[in-house]
Structures are given as structure tokens and as C-alpha cells.
Amino acid sequence: MKLIVSGKTKDFTPELEEKVTAKIAKFSKMIEQRGEREAHVTHQVERHLHRIEVIVNFYDHVLVGEGLDADLDAALCHAVEKLEKQVVKLKNRWRDTHRDAKAVRTTKESWEANGSSPETAKSAVLDQRSNGNGRPKIFHVDYNENRKPMTLEEALLEMQRETDDYVVYRDSSRNCLSVLVRRPDGNFDLIES
């Protein structure tokens, strides 16, 4: 990282400048992804206090760390520590908002609000992803669910109560899996296994 020092530069001894460069180098590992970055260090003396201000551009953010102490070395350490905290906070915010796809976040929020199970949410996410690719939706049937067997008449009543276009049920008379599908003309198709 390129270090630009302005202000009272006569107080910056070579040992102090080497120490600052080492601290900034450690800090630069956190932010330097692409290209060379610059750190602008401004030093002012007010009465007996050293005011150090370190300014670094980090993507579209300007990070400013300010240290104020009677000792120049301590003021520099405070300024760099504040910069490190800002970078960690920005990276966490970026990670939390960009890690999940938007569809995943919205489905997580919706199943948390509805109190559904994560398995249901997982299949909803898979369905949403498949719609974006132009592929047809795939609905998974949960065979482990403890539902009682139904007759064809009960399945018809279930179809009239709900707005779904199909009902998957276990036929009590044949003891097989059956699917009742509503056709566009209002009639029904019965698929038995």
C-alpha cells in the first residue's frame, strides 16, 4: 500500500515511518484485492496532542480513521485500529447482503413468517431457480408424511376446497398412490400407480 504523509512530517522519524508502514501493510492485506491502494496520513499538532487522520478509499467507501494522543505512535495505532474496525464491519455487511441469492433470502423470510419447515422452503427455492431457466417446475411428493388414505370422492372434495390443480393421495381401496388433476375444461384426470 502506498503511504502519503502530509502535515508535520518532521516528527516522523524513519523508525516511526517503518512502524506505520508495517501497520498499514497488515491493514492493506484486508482491503487490497485488486490494484494498488493509497493511504493518506495527515498529521497535526494541537497544543500537546498529535492528531493523526488516515484516509483510505475502499471500493465506493471512504474509510477515515482518526487518532488523538499525546504520543505520536499511540495516535497512529488508534487511527489504524479504527480503520480495521470499519473494514471488518463493511466486509461483514457485504457478506451478509451478497451471500444469498435474492430468491433464497425472500423464501427464507417467507417460510420463517409462515412457520413452514426448511424442507418445504428448500423445494420452493429449487422451484424458483428452475423457473428462471425456463424449465418446468418439479413438485416433490413427501412419502414420509403420515396422511390417512382417501377415497376418490374425498379427493374430489379436497380439490373443491383448495385452489390447487392437483391432489396427490393414497387410494384406500387399491392401496396405491393416485393423482387427481383438474383439466382446463373443468373435468378431472385420475392417474393411478
N, C-alpha and C. Protein backbone atom coordinates (compact mmCIF):
# COMPACT_ATOMS: atom_id res chain seq x y z
N MET A 1 0.85 -1.17 0.00
CA MET A 1 0.00 0.00 0.00
C MET A 1 0.89 1.22 0.00
N LYS A 2 0.53 2.17 -0.81
CA LYS A 2 1.30 3.40 -0.94
C LYS A 2 0.91 4.34 0.18
N LEU A 3 1.90 4.89 0.87
CA LEU A 3 1.68 5.75 2.03
C LEU A 3 2.04 7.18 1.67
N ILE A 4 1.10 8.11 1.81
CA ILE A 4 1.32 9.53 1.54
C ILE A 4 1.15 10.28 2.85
N VAL A 5 2.20 10.92 3.32
CA VAL A 5 2.19 11.61 4.60
C VAL A 5 2.21 13.11 4.34
N SER A 6 1.31 13.84 5.02
CA SER A 6 1.30 15.30 4.91
C SER A 6 1.14 15.89 6.30
N GLY A 7 1.48 17.16 6.44
CA GLY A 7 1.37 17.83 7.74
C GLY A 7 2.75 17.97 8.36
N LYS A 8 2.87 17.75 9.64
CA LYS A 8 4.12 17.88 10.38
C LYS A 8 4.99 16.65 10.15
N THR A 9 5.64 16.59 9.01
CA THR A 9 6.42 15.40 8.66
C THR A 9 7.76 15.33 9.37
N LYS A 10 8.19 16.43 9.98
CA LYS A 10 9.50 16.38 10.66
C LYS A 10 9.44 15.49 11.90
N ASP A 11 8.23 15.25 12.46
CA ASP A 11 8.09 14.37 13.63
C ASP A 11 8.14 12.89 13.24
N PHE A 12 8.03 12.58 11.95
CA PHE A 12 8.06 11.20 11.50
C PHE A 12 9.51 10.76 11.32
N THR A 13 10.02 10.10 12.31
CA THR A 13 11.38 9.56 12.22
C THR A 13 11.35 8.33 11.33
N PRO A 14 12.50 7.92 10.81
CA PRO A 14 12.50 6.71 9.97
C PRO A 14 11.98 5.47 10.70
N GLU A 15 12.25 5.36 12.02
CA GLU A 15 11.75 4.21 12.78
C GLU A 15 10.22 4.25 12.86
N LEU A 16 9.68 5.45 13.12
CA LEU A 16 8.23 5.60 13.21
C LEU A 16 7.57 5.34 11.85
N GLU A 17 8.20 5.83 10.80
CA GLU A 17 7.64 5.61 9.47
C GLU A 17 7.65 4.13 9.11
N GLU A 18 8.68 3.41 9.53
CA GLU A 18 8.75 1.98 9.29
C GLU A 18 7.64 1.25 10.06
N LYS A 19 7.39 1.70 11.30
CA LYS A 19 6.34 1.09 12.13
C LYS A 19 4.96 1.34 11.50
N VAL A 20 4.73 2.56 11.03
CA VAL A 20 3.46 2.90 10.39
C VAL A 20 3.28 2.07 9.13
N THR A 21 4.35 1.94 8.35
CA THR A 21 4.26 1.16 7.13
C THR A 21 3.92 -0.30 7.43
N ALA A 22 4.47 -0.84 8.50
CA ALA A 22 4.16 -2.22 8.89
C ALA A 22 2.69 -2.37 9.29
N LYS A 23 2.18 -1.40 10.07
CA LYS A 23 0.77 -1.46 10.49
C LYS A 23 -0.16 -1.31 9.28
N ILE A 24 0.17 -0.40 8.40
CA ILE A 24 -0.66 -0.18 7.21
C ILE A 24 -0.57 -1.40 6.29
N ALA A 25 0.59 -2.05 6.23
CA ALA A 25 0.74 -3.25 5.39
C ALA A 25 -0.16 -4.36 5.90
N LYS A 26 -0.24 -4.51 7.22
CA LYS A 26 -1.13 -5.51 7.81
C LYS A 26 -2.59 -5.17 7.47
N PHE A 27 -2.91 -3.91 7.58
CA PHE A 27 -4.26 -3.44 7.27
C PHE A 27 -4.57 -3.61 5.77
N SER A 28 -3.56 -3.38 4.93
CA SER A 28 -3.79 -3.44 3.49
C SER A 28 -4.10 -4.85 3.01
N LYS A 29 -3.65 -5.87 3.73
CA LYS A 29 -3.99 -7.24 3.36
C LYS A 29 -5.49 -7.48 3.43
N MET A 30 -6.15 -6.74 4.30
CA MET A 30 -7.60 -6.90 4.45
C MET A 30 -8.36 -6.27 3.29
N ILE A 31 -7.82 -5.19 2.72
CA ILE A 31 -8.61 -4.45 1.73
C ILE A 31 -8.06 -4.54 0.32
N GLU A 32 -6.82 -4.91 0.14
CA GLU A 32 -6.22 -4.85 -1.17
C GLU A 32 -6.56 -6.10 -1.96
N GLN A 33 -7.56 -6.02 -2.78
CA GLN A 33 -7.97 -7.14 -3.63
C GLN A 33 -7.40 -6.96 -5.03
N ARG A 34 -7.71 -5.84 -5.63
CA ARG A 34 -7.25 -5.56 -6.98
C ARG A 34 -6.54 -4.22 -6.99
N GLY A 35 -5.36 -4.18 -7.53
CA GLY A 35 -4.66 -2.92 -7.72
C GLY A 35 -4.03 -2.39 -6.45
N GLU A 36 -3.29 -1.32 -6.61
CA GLU A 36 -2.58 -0.68 -5.51
C GLU A 36 -3.48 0.38 -4.90
N ARG A 37 -3.50 0.47 -3.60
CA ARG A 37 -4.29 1.47 -2.90
C ARG A 37 -3.36 2.48 -2.24
N GLU A 38 -3.94 3.63 -1.92
CA GLU A 38 -3.18 4.68 -1.26
C GLU A 38 -3.79 4.97 0.09
N ALA A 39 -2.91 5.28 1.05
CA ALA A 39 -3.36 5.71 2.37
C ALA A 39 -2.79 7.10 2.60
N HIS A 40 -3.68 8.06 2.83
CA HIS A 40 -3.27 9.44 3.09
C HIS A 40 -3.23 9.65 4.60
N VAL A 41 -2.05 9.97 5.12
CA VAL A 41 -1.87 10.19 6.55
C VAL A 41 -1.64 11.69 6.75
N THR A 42 -2.50 12.30 7.55
CA THR A 42 -2.38 13.72 7.87
C THR A 42 -2.04 13.86 9.34
N HIS A 43 -1.02 14.65 9.61
CA HIS A 43 -0.56 14.83 11.00
C HIS A 43 -0.66 16.30 11.37
N GLN A 44 -1.33 16.58 12.49
CA GLN A 44 -1.44 17.94 13.03
C GLN A 44 -1.10 17.90 14.50
N VAL A 45 -0.52 18.99 14.99
CA VAL A 45 -0.22 19.10 16.41
C VAL A 45 -1.08 20.23 16.97
N GLU A 46 -1.89 19.91 17.97
CA GLU A 46 -2.72 20.89 18.66
C GLU A 46 -2.30 20.90 20.12
N ARG A 47 -1.68 21.99 20.52
CA ARG A 47 -1.10 22.13 21.86
C ARG A 47 -0.13 20.99 22.11
N HIS A 48 -0.47 20.04 22.92
CA HIS A 48 0.43 18.92 23.19
C HIS A 48 -0.08 17.60 22.61
N LEU A 49 -1.18 17.65 21.84
CA LEU A 49 -1.78 16.44 21.28
C LEU A 49 -1.45 16.28 19.79
N HIS A 50 -1.18 15.05 19.40
CA HIS A 50 -0.96 14.71 18.00
C HIS A 50 -2.27 14.18 17.43
N ARG A 51 -2.73 14.81 16.34
CA ARG A 51 -3.95 14.36 15.67
C ARG A 51 -3.53 13.71 14.35
N ILE A 52 -3.81 12.42 14.25
CA ILE A 52 -3.49 11.65 13.04
C ILE A 52 -4.80 11.26 12.36
N GLU A 53 -4.86 11.52 11.07
CA GLU A 53 -6.04 11.14 10.28
C GLU A 53 -5.55 10.31 9.10
N VAL A 54 -6.07 9.09 8.99
CA VAL A 54 -5.71 8.19 7.89
C VAL A 54 -6.94 8.00 7.03
N ILE A 55 -6.80 8.29 5.74
CA ILE A 55 -7.92 8.19 4.80
C ILE A 55 -7.56 7.16 3.73
N VAL A 56 -8.47 6.18 3.54
CA VAL A 56 -8.27 5.12 2.54
C VAL A 56 -9.56 4.96 1.77
N ASN A 57 -9.45 4.84 0.44
CA ASN A 57 -10.62 4.54 -0.38
C ASN A 57 -10.75 3.03 -0.50
N PHE A 58 -11.94 2.52 -0.21
CA PHE A 58 -12.21 1.09 -0.27
C PHE A 58 -13.46 0.90 -1.11
N TYR A 59 -13.26 0.53 -2.38
CA TYR A 59 -14.32 0.47 -3.37
C TYR A 59 -15.09 1.78 -3.39
N ASP A 60 -16.36 1.81 -3.06
CA ASP A 60 -17.10 3.07 -3.12
C ASP A 60 -17.23 3.73 -1.75
N HIS A 61 -16.41 3.32 -0.79
CA HIS A 61 -16.45 3.89 0.56
C HIS A 61 -15.14 4.60 0.86
N VAL A 62 -15.24 5.68 1.61
CA VAL A 62 -14.06 6.37 2.10
C VAL A 62 -13.95 6.03 3.58
N LEU A 63 -12.86 5.38 3.94
CA LEU A 63 -12.64 4.99 5.33
C LEU A 63 -11.74 6.03 5.98
N VAL A 64 -12.16 6.53 7.13
CA VAL A 64 -11.41 7.55 7.83
C VAL A 64 -11.16 7.07 9.25
N GLY A 65 -9.89 6.99 9.63
CA GLY A 65 -9.52 6.64 11.00
C GLY A 65 -8.80 7.81 11.62
N GLU A 66 -9.25 8.21 12.80
CA GLU A 66 -8.65 9.38 13.45
C GLU A 66 -8.16 8.98 14.83
N GLY A 67 -6.93 9.36 15.12
CA GLY A 67 -6.34 9.07 16.42
C GLY A 67 -5.84 10.35 17.05
N LEU A 68 -6.06 10.48 18.35
CA LEU A 68 -5.67 11.69 19.07
C LEU A 68 -5.01 11.25 20.37
N ASP A 69 -3.73 11.61 20.53
CA ASP A 69 -3.00 11.20 21.73
C ASP A 69 -1.78 12.11 21.90
N ALA A 70 -1.23 12.12 23.11
CA ALA A 70 -0.03 12.90 23.37
C ALA A 70 1.19 12.25 22.73
N ASP A 71 1.14 10.93 22.54
CA ASP A 71 2.21 10.20 21.90
C ASP A 71 1.85 9.96 20.43
N LEU A 72 2.77 10.28 19.54
CA LEU A 72 2.50 10.15 18.12
C LEU A 72 2.27 8.69 17.72
N ASP A 73 3.05 7.79 18.29
CA ASP A 73 2.92 6.37 17.99
C ASP A 73 1.54 5.84 18.41
N ALA A 74 1.07 6.22 19.59
CA ALA A 74 -0.24 5.78 20.08
C ALA A 74 -1.36 6.34 19.21
N ALA A 75 -1.22 7.58 18.76
CA ALA A 75 -2.25 8.19 17.90
C ALA A 75 -2.33 7.43 16.58
N LEU A 76 -1.19 7.04 16.03
CA LEU A 76 -1.19 6.27 14.79
C LEU A 76 -1.87 4.91 14.98
N CYS A 77 -1.57 4.26 16.10
CA CYS A 77 -2.19 2.95 16.38
C CYS A 77 -3.70 3.07 16.49
N HIS A 78 -4.19 4.12 17.16
CA HIS A 78 -5.64 4.32 17.31
C HIS A 78 -6.30 4.52 15.94
N ALA A 79 -5.65 5.30 15.08
CA ALA A 79 -6.23 5.58 13.76
C ALA A 79 -6.31 4.30 12.93
N VAL A 80 -5.26 3.49 12.94
CA VAL A 80 -5.26 2.26 12.15
C VAL A 80 -6.26 1.25 12.71
N GLU A 81 -6.40 1.19 14.04
CA GLU A 81 -7.38 0.28 14.64
C GLU A 81 -8.80 0.66 14.23
N LYS A 82 -9.07 1.96 14.18
CA LYS A 82 -10.41 2.40 13.75
C LYS A 82 -10.66 2.02 12.29
N LEU A 83 -9.63 2.13 11.47
CA LEU A 83 -9.78 1.71 10.07
C LEU A 83 -10.06 0.22 9.96
N GLU A 84 -9.35 -0.59 10.74
CA GLU A 84 -9.56 -2.03 10.71
C GLU A 84 -10.99 -2.39 11.11
N LYS A 85 -11.51 -1.72 12.12
CA LYS A 85 -12.89 -1.98 12.55
C LYS A 85 -13.87 -1.64 11.44
N GLN A 86 -13.63 -0.53 10.74
CA GLN A 86 -14.53 -0.13 9.66
C GLN A 86 -14.50 -1.15 8.52
N VAL A 87 -13.32 -1.65 8.20
CA VAL A 87 -13.21 -2.63 7.11
C VAL A 87 -13.93 -3.92 7.48
N VAL A 88 -13.75 -4.37 8.71
CA VAL A 88 -14.42 -5.61 9.15
C VAL A 88 -15.93 -5.42 9.10
N LYS A 89 -16.41 -4.27 9.53
CA LYS A 89 -17.84 -4.00 9.51
C LYS A 89 -18.37 -3.98 8.07
N LEU A 90 -17.65 -3.33 7.17
CA LEU A 90 -18.09 -3.28 5.77
C LEU A 90 -18.05 -4.66 5.13
N LYS A 91 -17.02 -5.44 5.39
CA LYS A 91 -16.94 -6.77 4.80
C LYS A 91 -18.06 -7.67 5.32
N ASN A 92 -18.38 -7.57 6.61
CA ASN A 92 -19.48 -8.37 7.16
C ASN A 92 -20.80 -7.95 6.55
N ARG A 93 -21.00 -6.66 6.38
CA ARG A 93 -22.24 -6.17 5.78
C ARG A 93 -22.34 -6.65 4.34
N TRP A 94 -21.23 -6.58 3.60
CA TRP A 94 -21.24 -7.03 2.22
C TRP A 94 -21.50 -8.52 2.15
N ARG A 95 -20.85 -9.30 3.02
CA ARG A 95 -21.04 -10.74 3.00
C ARG A 95 -22.48 -11.11 3.33
N ASP A 96 -23.07 -10.45 4.31
CA ASP A 96 -24.43 -10.79 4.72
C ASP A 96 -25.45 -10.42 3.67
N THR A 97 -25.21 -9.35 2.92
CA THR A 97 -26.21 -8.95 1.93
C THR A 97 -25.98 -9.57 0.57
N HIS A 98 -24.78 -10.06 0.28
CA HIS A 98 -24.50 -10.60 -1.04
C HIS A 98 -24.27 -12.10 -1.05
N ARG A 99 -24.29 -12.74 0.07
CA ARG A 99 -24.00 -14.18 0.11
C ARG A 99 -25.15 -14.98 -0.52
N ASP A 100 -26.37 -14.74 -0.07
CA ASP A 100 -27.52 -15.49 -0.58
C ASP A 100 -28.08 -14.80 -1.82
N ALA A 101 -28.59 -15.60 -2.71
CA ALA A 101 -29.30 -15.03 -3.84
C ALA A 101 -30.58 -14.39 -3.32
N LYS A 102 -31.10 -13.43 -4.05
CA LYS A 102 -32.28 -12.72 -3.60
C LYS A 102 -33.47 -13.67 -3.43
N ALA A 103 -33.59 -14.63 -4.32
CA ALA A 103 -34.68 -15.59 -4.22
C ALA A 103 -34.58 -16.41 -2.95
N VAL A 104 -33.36 -16.75 -2.57
CA VAL A 104 -33.16 -17.55 -1.37
C VAL A 104 -33.55 -16.75 -0.14
N ARG A 105 -33.12 -15.47 -0.11
CA ARG A 105 -33.45 -14.63 1.04
C ARG A 105 -34.96 -14.45 1.19
N THR A 106 -35.65 -14.19 0.07
CA THR A 106 -37.09 -13.96 0.17
C THR A 106 -37.83 -15.22 0.60
N THR A 107 -37.39 -16.38 0.12
CA THR A 107 -38.07 -17.61 0.55
C THR A 107 -37.76 -17.93 2.00
N LYS A 108 -36.55 -17.64 2.44
CA LYS A 108 -36.23 -17.84 3.86
C LYS A 108 -37.15 -17.00 4.72
N GLU A 109 -37.30 -15.72 4.33
CA GLU A 109 -38.16 -14.83 5.11
C GLU A 109 -39.60 -15.30 5.08
N SER A 110 -40.05 -15.77 3.91
CA SER A 110 -41.46 -16.17 3.82
C SER A 110 -41.74 -17.43 4.62
N TRP A 111 -40.84 -18.42 4.60
CA TRP A 111 -41.14 -19.63 5.38
C TRP A 111 -40.94 -19.40 6.85
N GLU A 112 -40.08 -18.43 7.22
CA GLU A 112 -39.96 -18.10 8.65
C GLU A 112 -41.23 -17.40 9.12
N ALA A 113 -41.80 -16.56 8.26
CA ALA A 113 -43.02 -15.85 8.64
C ALA A 113 -44.21 -16.81 8.71
N ASN A 114 -44.25 -17.79 7.79
CA ASN A 114 -45.37 -18.72 7.76
C ASN A 114 -45.21 -19.87 8.75
N GLY A 115 -44.00 -20.07 9.24
CA GLY A 115 -43.76 -21.17 10.16
C GLY A 115 -43.64 -22.51 9.46
N SER A 116 -43.29 -22.51 8.17
CA SER A 116 -43.13 -23.75 7.42
C SER A 116 -41.83 -24.41 7.79
N SER A 117 -41.65 -25.61 7.27
CA SER A 117 -40.42 -26.35 7.54
C SER A 117 -39.35 -25.98 6.53
N PRO A 118 -38.06 -26.17 6.86
CA PRO A 118 -36.99 -25.86 5.92
C PRO A 118 -37.02 -26.74 4.67
N GLU A 119 -37.54 -27.98 4.78
CA GLU A 119 -37.62 -28.83 3.61
C GLU A 119 -38.57 -28.24 2.58
N THR A 120 -39.67 -27.69 3.05
CA THR A 120 -40.62 -27.04 2.15
C THR A 120 -39.97 -25.84 1.50
N ALA A 121 -39.22 -25.07 2.28
CA ALA A 121 -38.54 -23.90 1.73
C ALA A 121 -37.49 -24.29 0.72
N LYS A 122 -36.80 -25.39 0.97
CA LYS A 122 -35.77 -25.86 0.05
C LYS A 122 -36.38 -26.22 -1.30
N SER A 123 -37.50 -26.91 -1.28
CA SER A 123 -38.14 -27.26 -2.55
C SER A 123 -38.67 -26.01 -3.24
N ALA A 124 -39.12 -25.00 -2.47
CA ALA A 124 -39.58 -23.76 -3.07
C ALA A 124 -38.43 -23.02 -3.75
N VAL A 125 -37.26 -23.05 -3.13
CA VAL A 125 -36.09 -22.40 -3.72
C VAL A 125 -35.71 -23.10 -5.01
N LEU A 126 -35.73 -24.44 -5.01
CA LEU A 126 -35.42 -25.19 -6.22
C LEU A 126 -36.42 -24.87 -7.32
N ASP A 127 -37.69 -24.73 -6.95
CA ASP A 127 -38.71 -24.40 -7.94
C ASP A 127 -38.48 -23.01 -8.52
N GLN A 128 -38.14 -22.03 -7.65
CA GLN A 128 -37.90 -20.67 -8.13
C GLN A 128 -36.69 -20.62 -9.05
N ARG A 129 -35.65 -21.36 -8.72
CA ARG A 129 -34.46 -21.37 -9.56
C ARG A 129 -34.77 -22.01 -10.91
N SER A 130 -35.60 -23.04 -10.90
CA SER A 130 -35.89 -23.70 -12.17
C SER A 130 -36.75 -22.82 -13.06
N ASN A 131 -37.59 -21.95 -12.49
CA ASN A 131 -38.41 -21.07 -13.31
C ASN A 131 -37.57 -20.05 -14.04
N GLY A 132 -36.48 -19.59 -13.43
CA GLY A 132 -35.64 -18.61 -14.08
C GLY A 132 -34.94 -19.17 -15.31
N ASN A 133 -34.76 -20.46 -15.37
CA ASN A 133 -34.07 -21.08 -16.50
C ASN A 133 -35.02 -21.49 -17.61
N GLY A 134 -36.30 -21.32 -17.44
CA GLY A 134 -37.27 -21.72 -18.45
C GLY A 134 -37.65 -23.18 -18.36
N ARG A 135 -37.21 -23.87 -17.35
CA ARG A 135 -37.56 -25.27 -17.16
C ARG A 135 -38.89 -25.37 -16.42
N PRO A 136 -39.58 -26.49 -16.58
CA PRO A 136 -40.85 -26.64 -15.84
C PRO A 136 -40.58 -26.89 -14.36
N LYS A 137 -41.58 -26.55 -13.53
CA LYS A 137 -41.48 -26.78 -12.09
C LYS A 137 -41.54 -28.27 -11.80
N ILE A 138 -40.80 -28.67 -10.77
CA ILE A 138 -40.84 -30.06 -10.32
C ILE A 138 -41.35 -30.04 -8.89
N PHE A 139 -42.46 -30.71 -8.65
CA PHE A 139 -43.04 -30.77 -7.32
C PHE A 139 -42.69 -32.13 -6.71
N HIS A 140 -42.08 -32.11 -5.56
CA HIS A 140 -41.69 -33.34 -4.89
C HIS A 140 -42.77 -33.77 -3.91
N VAL A 141 -43.10 -35.06 -3.92
CA VAL A 141 -44.11 -35.62 -3.04
C VAL A 141 -43.40 -36.19 -1.83
N ASP A 142 -43.88 -35.86 -0.65
CA ASP A 142 -43.29 -36.35 0.59
C ASP A 142 -44.01 -37.64 0.98
N TYR A 143 -43.35 -38.78 0.80
CA TYR A 143 -43.96 -40.07 1.11
C TYR A 143 -43.93 -40.36 2.60
N ASN A 144 -43.08 -39.64 3.34
CA ASN A 144 -42.96 -39.90 4.77
C ASN A 144 -44.04 -39.21 5.59
N GLU A 145 -44.80 -38.37 4.96
CA GLU A 145 -45.84 -37.65 5.66
C GLU A 145 -46.95 -38.63 6.06
N ASN A 146 -47.39 -38.57 7.28
CA ASN A 146 -48.40 -39.52 7.79
C ASN A 146 -49.80 -39.03 7.47
N ARG A 147 -50.24 -39.28 6.27
CA ARG A 147 -51.60 -38.93 5.87
C ARG A 147 -52.42 -40.20 5.79
N LYS A 148 -53.69 -40.08 6.09
CA LYS A 148 -54.56 -41.24 6.01
C LYS A 148 -54.99 -41.46 4.56
N PRO A 149 -55.25 -42.68 4.17
CA PRO A 149 -55.71 -42.95 2.80
C PRO A 149 -57.07 -42.30 2.55
N MET A 150 -57.31 -41.95 1.27
CA MET A 150 -58.56 -41.28 0.89
C MET A 150 -59.26 -42.08 -0.21
N THR A 151 -60.53 -41.81 -0.35
CA THR A 151 -61.27 -42.36 -1.48
C THR A 151 -61.29 -41.32 -2.58
N LEU A 152 -61.78 -41.69 -3.75
CA LEU A 152 -61.84 -40.76 -4.87
C LEU A 152 -62.79 -39.59 -4.56
N GLU A 153 -63.89 -39.88 -3.86
CA GLU A 153 -64.84 -38.82 -3.51
C GLU A 153 -64.22 -37.80 -2.54
N GLU A 154 -63.44 -38.31 -1.57
CA GLU A 154 -62.77 -37.40 -0.63
C GLU A 154 -61.75 -36.54 -1.35
N ALA A 155 -61.05 -37.10 -2.33
CA ALA A 155 -60.08 -36.33 -3.11
C ALA A 155 -60.78 -35.25 -3.93
N LEU A 156 -61.97 -35.56 -4.48
CA LEU A 156 -62.74 -34.54 -5.22
C LEU A 156 -63.17 -33.41 -4.29
N LEU A 157 -63.62 -33.76 -3.07
CA LEU A 157 -63.99 -32.72 -2.11
C LEU A 157 -62.78 -31.85 -1.75
N GLU A 158 -61.62 -32.48 -1.60
CA GLU A 158 -60.38 -31.74 -1.29
C GLU A 158 -60.04 -30.78 -2.42
N MET A 159 -60.24 -31.22 -3.67
CA MET A 159 -59.95 -30.36 -4.83
C MET A 159 -60.89 -29.16 -4.88
N GLN A 160 -62.15 -29.35 -4.45
CA GLN A 160 -63.11 -28.25 -4.49
C GLN A 160 -62.82 -27.23 -3.39
N ARG A 161 -62.28 -27.70 -2.23
CA ARG A 161 -61.96 -26.78 -1.13
C ARG A 161 -60.73 -25.94 -1.44
N GLU A 162 -59.72 -26.53 -2.09
CA GLU A 162 -58.48 -25.82 -2.36
C GLU A 162 -58.44 -25.35 -3.80
N THR A 163 -57.58 -24.42 -4.07
CA THR A 163 -57.46 -23.88 -5.42
C THR A 163 -56.37 -24.57 -6.23
N ASP A 164 -55.77 -25.63 -5.69
CA ASP A 164 -54.72 -26.34 -6.41
C ASP A 164 -55.30 -27.07 -7.62
N ASP A 165 -54.45 -27.33 -8.60
CA ASP A 165 -54.87 -28.02 -9.81
C ASP A 165 -54.70 -29.52 -9.71
N TYR A 166 -54.18 -30.00 -8.59
CA TYR A 166 -53.98 -31.44 -8.44
C TYR A 166 -54.00 -31.81 -6.95
N VAL A 167 -54.25 -33.09 -6.69
CA VAL A 167 -54.18 -33.64 -5.34
C VAL A 167 -53.49 -34.99 -5.45
N VAL A 168 -52.47 -35.19 -4.64
CA VAL A 168 -51.79 -36.48 -4.57
C VAL A 168 -52.26 -37.16 -3.30
N TYR A 169 -52.75 -38.39 -3.42
CA TYR A 169 -53.28 -39.07 -2.24
C TYR A 169 -53.06 -40.57 -2.38
N ARG A 170 -53.18 -41.28 -1.27
CA ARG A 170 -53.09 -42.74 -1.27
C ARG A 170 -54.52 -43.28 -1.30
N ASP A 171 -54.80 -44.03 -2.35
CA ASP A 171 -56.15 -44.57 -2.55
C ASP A 171 -56.39 -45.69 -1.54
N SER A 172 -57.47 -45.57 -0.76
CA SER A 172 -57.74 -46.56 0.29
C SER A 172 -58.24 -47.88 -0.28
N SER A 173 -58.94 -47.85 -1.41
CA SER A 173 -59.47 -49.10 -1.96
C SER A 173 -58.39 -49.93 -2.66
N ARG A 174 -57.46 -49.31 -3.34
CA ARG A 174 -56.43 -50.05 -4.07
C ARG A 174 -55.09 -50.04 -3.36
N ASN A 175 -54.91 -49.20 -2.33
CA ASN A 175 -53.68 -49.05 -1.57
C ASN A 175 -52.51 -48.69 -2.49
N CYS A 176 -52.75 -47.69 -3.36
CA CYS A 176 -51.72 -47.21 -4.28
C CYS A 176 -51.74 -45.68 -4.28
N LEU A 177 -50.70 -45.11 -4.83
CA LEU A 177 -50.60 -43.67 -4.93
C LEU A 177 -51.39 -43.21 -6.14
N SER A 178 -52.25 -42.19 -5.94
CA SER A 178 -53.08 -41.68 -7.03
C SER A 178 -52.95 -40.17 -7.10
N VAL A 179 -53.11 -39.65 -8.32
CA VAL A 179 -53.05 -38.21 -8.54
C VAL A 179 -54.32 -37.81 -9.27
N LEU A 180 -55.02 -36.83 -8.71
CA LEU A 180 -56.22 -36.30 -9.34
C LEU A 180 -55.87 -34.91 -9.86
N VAL A 181 -56.01 -34.72 -11.19
CA VAL A 181 -55.58 -33.49 -11.85
C VAL A 181 -56.79 -32.80 -12.45
N ARG A 182 -56.91 -31.49 -12.23
CA ARG A 182 -58.00 -30.69 -12.82
C ARG A 182 -57.58 -30.27 -14.22
N ARG A 183 -58.41 -30.55 -15.21
CA ARG A 183 -58.13 -30.18 -16.59
C ARG A 183 -58.62 -28.77 -16.85
N PRO A 184 -58.12 -28.13 -17.91
CA PRO A 184 -58.55 -26.75 -18.21
C PRO A 184 -60.05 -26.64 -18.53
N ASP A 185 -60.68 -27.74 -19.02
CA ASP A 185 -62.10 -27.69 -19.35
C ASP A 185 -63.00 -27.93 -18.14
N GLY A 186 -62.40 -28.13 -16.94
CA GLY A 186 -63.18 -28.32 -15.72
C GLY A 186 -63.34 -29.76 -15.31
N ASN A 187 -63.00 -30.71 -16.16
CA ASN A 187 -63.07 -32.13 -15.82
C ASN A 187 -61.80 -32.53 -15.10
N PHE A 188 -61.74 -33.81 -14.67
CA PHE A 188 -60.60 -34.30 -13.90
C PHE A 188 -59.97 -35.49 -14.58
N ASP A 189 -58.63 -35.63 -14.39
CA ASP A 189 -57.90 -36.82 -14.80
C ASP A 189 -57.44 -37.53 -13.55
N LEU A 190 -57.55 -38.88 -13.54
CA LEU A 190 -57.10 -39.68 -12.43
C LEU A 190 -55.94 -40.53 -12.88
N ILE A 191 -54.80 -40.37 -12.21
CA ILE A 191 -53.61 -41.14 -12.54
C ILE A 191 -53.33 -42.03 -11.35
N GLU A 192 -53.27 -43.36 -11.60
CA GLU A 192 -53.03 -44.33 -10.54
C GLU A 192 -51.74 -45.08 -10.82
N SER A 193 -51.03 -45.42 -9.75
CA SER A 193 -49.80 -46.20 -9.94
C SER A 193 -50.02 -47.65 -9.63
